[in-house]
Amino acid sequence: MKTDELKKIMDDMFGDRHIHISDNEITKEDVYKVANDLSIGITDEQVRQVLELYPIEAEEDKTATWDLIVENLIYNLKTK
């Protein structure tokens, strides 16, 4: 299967949920969106920590979508 075909299938299945996982980059807006979707307040410092930890977590679990990694990081920071 060609890369373009796989990308189209992923877009059809997941929309924008997978857009950042391949390059291990997310933005602070991505973090705020996930926190907002979870109805969890998050500080600027916690956003910074998520951005710092994200590449490590994404590398460890290549099958996870970016938003699930961010969600997990937010929950972990909130339970500290």
N, C-alpha and C. Protein backbone atom coordinates (compact mmCIF):
# COMPACT_ATOMS: atom_id res chain seq x y z
N MET A 1 0.84 -1.17 0.00
CA MET A 1 0.00 0.00 0.00
C MET A 1 0.90 1.24 0.00
N LYS A 2 0.55 2.20 -0.80
CA LYS A 2 1.33 3.43 -0.89
C LYS A 2 1.06 4.33 0.31
N THR A 3 2.03 5.17 0.63
CA THR A 3 1.92 6.08 1.76
C THR A 3 0.71 6.99 1.62
N ASP A 4 0.47 7.51 0.43
CA ASP A 4 -0.67 8.40 0.21
C ASP A 4 -1.99 7.68 0.46
N GLU A 5 -2.07 6.41 0.05
CA GLU A 5 -3.28 5.64 0.28
C GLU A 5 -3.51 5.41 1.77
N LEU A 6 -2.43 5.10 2.48
CA LEU A 6 -2.53 4.89 3.92
C LEU A 6 -2.95 6.18 4.62
N LYS A 7 -2.39 7.30 4.19
CA LYS A 7 -2.76 8.58 4.79
C LYS A 7 -4.24 8.88 4.58
N LYS A 8 -4.75 8.60 3.39
CA LYS A 8 -6.17 8.83 3.13
C LYS A 8 -7.03 7.95 4.01
N ILE A 9 -6.67 6.71 4.17
CA ILE A 9 -7.42 5.80 5.04
C ILE A 9 -7.41 6.32 6.48
N MET A 10 -6.23 6.75 6.96
CA MET A 10 -6.12 7.29 8.31
C MET A 10 -6.97 8.55 8.47
N ASP A 11 -6.95 9.42 7.46
CA ASP A 11 -7.78 10.63 7.51
C ASP A 11 -9.26 10.27 7.58
N ASP A 12 -9.67 9.30 6.78
CA ASP A 12 -11.06 8.88 6.79
C ASP A 12 -11.47 8.28 8.13
N MET A 13 -10.57 7.52 8.74
CA MET A 13 -10.89 6.84 9.99
C MET A 13 -10.79 7.76 11.20
N PHE A 14 -9.77 8.59 11.25
CA PHE A 14 -9.47 9.32 12.48
C PHE A 14 -9.55 10.83 12.36
N GLY A 15 -9.76 11.36 11.18
CA GLY A 15 -9.77 12.81 11.04
C GLY A 15 -8.42 13.38 11.43
N ASP A 16 -8.43 14.42 12.27
CA ASP A 16 -7.17 15.06 12.65
C ASP A 16 -6.54 14.46 13.90
N ARG A 17 -7.04 13.35 14.42
CA ARG A 17 -6.53 12.78 15.66
C ARG A 17 -5.11 12.24 15.53
N HIS A 18 -4.66 11.97 14.31
CA HIS A 18 -3.33 11.37 14.13
C HIS A 18 -2.32 12.31 13.49
N ILE A 19 -2.67 13.56 13.29
CA ILE A 19 -1.85 14.43 12.44
C ILE A 19 -0.44 14.66 12.97
N HIS A 20 -0.22 14.65 14.28
CA HIS A 20 1.09 15.00 14.81
C HIS A 20 1.94 13.80 15.20
N ILE A 21 1.36 12.64 15.24
CA ILE A 21 2.08 11.50 15.79
C ILE A 21 3.31 11.14 14.98
N SER A 22 3.29 11.34 13.68
CA SER A 22 4.43 10.91 12.86
C SER A 22 5.67 11.76 13.07
N ASP A 23 5.51 13.03 13.42
CA ASP A 23 6.68 13.87 13.59
C ASP A 23 6.96 14.22 15.04
N ASN A 24 6.22 13.61 15.95
CA ASN A 24 6.42 13.81 17.39
C ASN A 24 6.35 15.27 17.80
N GLU A 25 5.54 16.05 17.13
CA GLU A 25 5.38 17.44 17.48
C GLU A 25 3.92 17.75 17.75
N ILE A 26 3.69 18.46 18.83
CA ILE A 26 2.37 18.97 19.14
C ILE A 26 2.54 20.42 19.54
N THR A 27 1.44 21.14 19.58
CA THR A 27 1.48 22.55 19.99
C THR A 27 0.76 22.71 21.31
N LYS A 28 0.96 23.87 21.92
CA LYS A 28 0.26 24.12 23.18
C LYS A 28 -1.25 24.16 22.94
N GLU A 29 -1.67 24.58 21.76
CA GLU A 29 -3.10 24.58 21.43
C GLU A 29 -3.65 23.16 21.41
N ASP A 30 -2.85 22.20 20.94
CA ASP A 30 -3.27 20.79 20.96
C ASP A 30 -3.51 20.34 22.40
N VAL A 31 -2.60 20.71 23.29
CA VAL A 31 -2.71 20.30 24.70
C VAL A 31 -3.94 20.94 25.33
N TYR A 32 -4.14 22.23 25.08
CA TYR A 32 -5.33 22.90 25.63
C TYR A 32 -6.61 22.29 25.09
N LYS A 33 -6.62 21.90 23.81
CA LYS A 33 -7.82 21.29 23.21
C LYS A 33 -8.16 19.98 23.90
N VAL A 34 -7.15 19.13 24.12
CA VAL A 34 -7.40 17.85 24.78
C VAL A 34 -7.88 18.09 26.20
N ALA A 35 -7.24 18.99 26.92
CA ALA A 35 -7.66 19.29 28.30
C ALA A 35 -9.09 19.82 28.31
N ASN A 36 -9.41 20.69 27.37
CA ASN A 36 -10.77 21.23 27.28
C ASN A 36 -11.78 20.13 26.97
N ASP A 37 -11.44 19.24 26.04
CA ASP A 37 -12.33 18.12 25.71
C ASP A 37 -12.59 17.23 26.92
N LEU A 38 -11.60 17.16 27.82
CA LEU A 38 -11.73 16.34 29.04
C LEU A 38 -12.34 17.14 30.19
N SER A 39 -12.61 18.41 29.96
CA SER A 39 -13.11 19.32 31.01
C SER A 39 -12.16 19.38 32.19
N ILE A 40 -10.86 19.46 31.88
CA ILE A 40 -9.82 19.55 32.90
C ILE A 40 -9.10 20.87 32.73
N GLY A 41 -9.00 21.63 33.82
CA GLY A 41 -8.22 22.85 33.79
C GLY A 41 -6.74 22.51 33.80
N ILE A 42 -5.96 23.26 33.06
CA ILE A 42 -4.53 22.97 32.97
C ILE A 42 -3.77 24.30 32.99
N THR A 43 -2.67 24.32 33.72
CA THR A 43 -1.87 25.54 33.83
C THR A 43 -0.86 25.62 32.68
N ASP A 44 -0.31 26.79 32.50
CA ASP A 44 0.74 26.96 31.48
C ASP A 44 1.94 26.06 31.78
N GLU A 45 2.26 25.92 33.06
CA GLU A 45 3.38 25.05 33.45
C GLU A 45 3.09 23.59 33.10
N GLN A 46 1.87 23.14 33.32
CA GLN A 46 1.51 21.76 32.96
C GLN A 46 1.54 21.57 31.45
N VAL A 47 1.13 22.56 30.70
CA VAL A 47 1.21 22.50 29.24
C VAL A 47 2.67 22.36 28.82
N ARG A 48 3.53 23.15 29.43
CA ARG A 48 4.97 23.06 29.13
C ARG A 48 5.50 21.67 29.41
N GLN A 49 5.07 21.08 30.53
CA GLN A 49 5.52 19.73 30.88
C GLN A 49 5.02 18.70 29.88
N VAL A 50 3.78 18.82 29.45
CA VAL A 50 3.24 17.90 28.44
C VAL A 50 4.05 18.01 27.16
N LEU A 51 4.33 19.24 26.72
CA LEU A 51 5.11 19.44 25.50
C LEU A 51 6.51 18.85 25.63
N GLU A 52 7.07 18.93 26.81
CA GLU A 52 8.40 18.40 27.05
C GLU A 52 8.41 16.87 27.06
N LEU A 53 7.39 16.27 27.66
CA LEU A 53 7.33 14.82 27.80
C LEU A 53 6.76 14.10 26.58
N TYR A 54 6.01 14.80 25.76
CA TYR A 54 5.32 14.17 24.64
C TYR A 54 6.24 13.36 23.72
N PRO A 55 7.37 13.90 23.25
CA PRO A 55 8.20 13.11 22.31
C PRO A 55 8.67 11.78 22.91
N ILE A 56 8.97 11.78 24.20
CA ILE A 56 9.42 10.55 24.86
C ILE A 56 8.29 9.52 24.88
N GLU A 57 7.10 9.97 25.25
CA GLU A 57 5.95 9.07 25.31
C GLU A 57 5.56 8.56 23.92
N ALA A 58 5.61 9.44 22.93
CA ALA A 58 5.26 9.04 21.56
C ALA A 58 6.24 8.01 21.03
N GLU A 59 7.50 8.15 21.39
CA GLU A 59 8.51 7.19 20.95
C GLU A 59 8.30 5.84 21.62
N GLU A 60 7.87 5.84 22.86
CA GLU A 60 7.66 4.58 23.60
C GLU A 60 6.42 3.83 23.13
N ASP A 61 5.40 4.55 22.66
CA ASP A 61 4.17 3.88 22.21
C ASP A 61 3.81 4.40 20.83
N LYS A 62 4.38 3.78 19.82
CA LYS A 62 4.18 4.22 18.44
C LYS A 62 2.78 3.92 17.92
N THR A 63 2.00 3.12 18.65
CA THR A 63 0.65 2.79 18.18
C THR A 63 -0.41 3.75 18.71
N ALA A 64 -0.06 4.57 19.68
CA ALA A 64 -1.03 5.49 20.28
C ALA A 64 -1.24 6.71 19.40
N THR A 65 -2.45 7.24 19.43
CA THR A 65 -2.70 8.50 18.74
C THR A 65 -2.19 9.64 19.61
N TRP A 66 -1.88 10.75 18.98
CA TRP A 66 -1.29 11.88 19.71
C TRP A 66 -2.18 12.34 20.85
N ASP A 67 -3.51 12.36 20.62
CA ASP A 67 -4.40 12.88 21.66
C ASP A 67 -4.48 11.95 22.87
N LEU A 68 -4.35 10.64 22.65
CA LEU A 68 -4.35 9.72 23.79
C LEU A 68 -3.07 9.85 24.62
N ILE A 69 -1.97 10.12 23.95
CA ILE A 69 -0.72 10.36 24.67
C ILE A 69 -0.85 11.63 25.51
N VAL A 70 -1.37 12.69 24.91
CA VAL A 70 -1.56 13.94 25.64
C VAL A 70 -2.52 13.75 26.80
N GLU A 71 -3.62 13.04 26.57
CA GLU A 71 -4.58 12.76 27.64
C GLU A 71 -3.91 12.05 28.81
N ASN A 72 -3.14 11.04 28.52
CA ASN A 72 -2.45 10.29 29.56
C ASN A 72 -1.47 11.19 30.33
N LEU A 73 -0.74 12.02 29.61
CA LEU A 73 0.19 12.93 30.27
C LEU A 73 -0.55 13.92 31.17
N ILE A 74 -1.67 14.44 30.71
CA ILE A 74 -2.46 15.37 31.52
C ILE A 74 -2.93 14.68 32.80
N TYR A 75 -3.51 13.49 32.66
CA TYR A 75 -3.97 12.76 33.84
C TYR A 75 -2.82 12.50 34.81
N ASN A 76 -1.66 12.12 34.28
CA ASN A 76 -0.51 11.86 35.15
C ASN A 76 -0.06 13.11 35.89
N LEU A 77 -0.06 14.25 35.21
CA LEU A 77 0.33 15.50 35.86
C LEU A 77 -0.70 15.94 36.91
N LYS A 78 -1.96 15.68 36.63
CA LYS A 78 -3.01 16.09 37.56
C LYS A 78 -3.06 15.22 38.82
N THR A 79 -2.54 14.02 38.73
CA THR A 79 -2.57 13.12 39.90
C THR A 79 -1.30 13.19 40.73
N LYS A 80 -0.37 14.06 40.36
CA LYS A 80 0.87 14.19 41.13
C LYS A 80 0.61 14.90 42.43
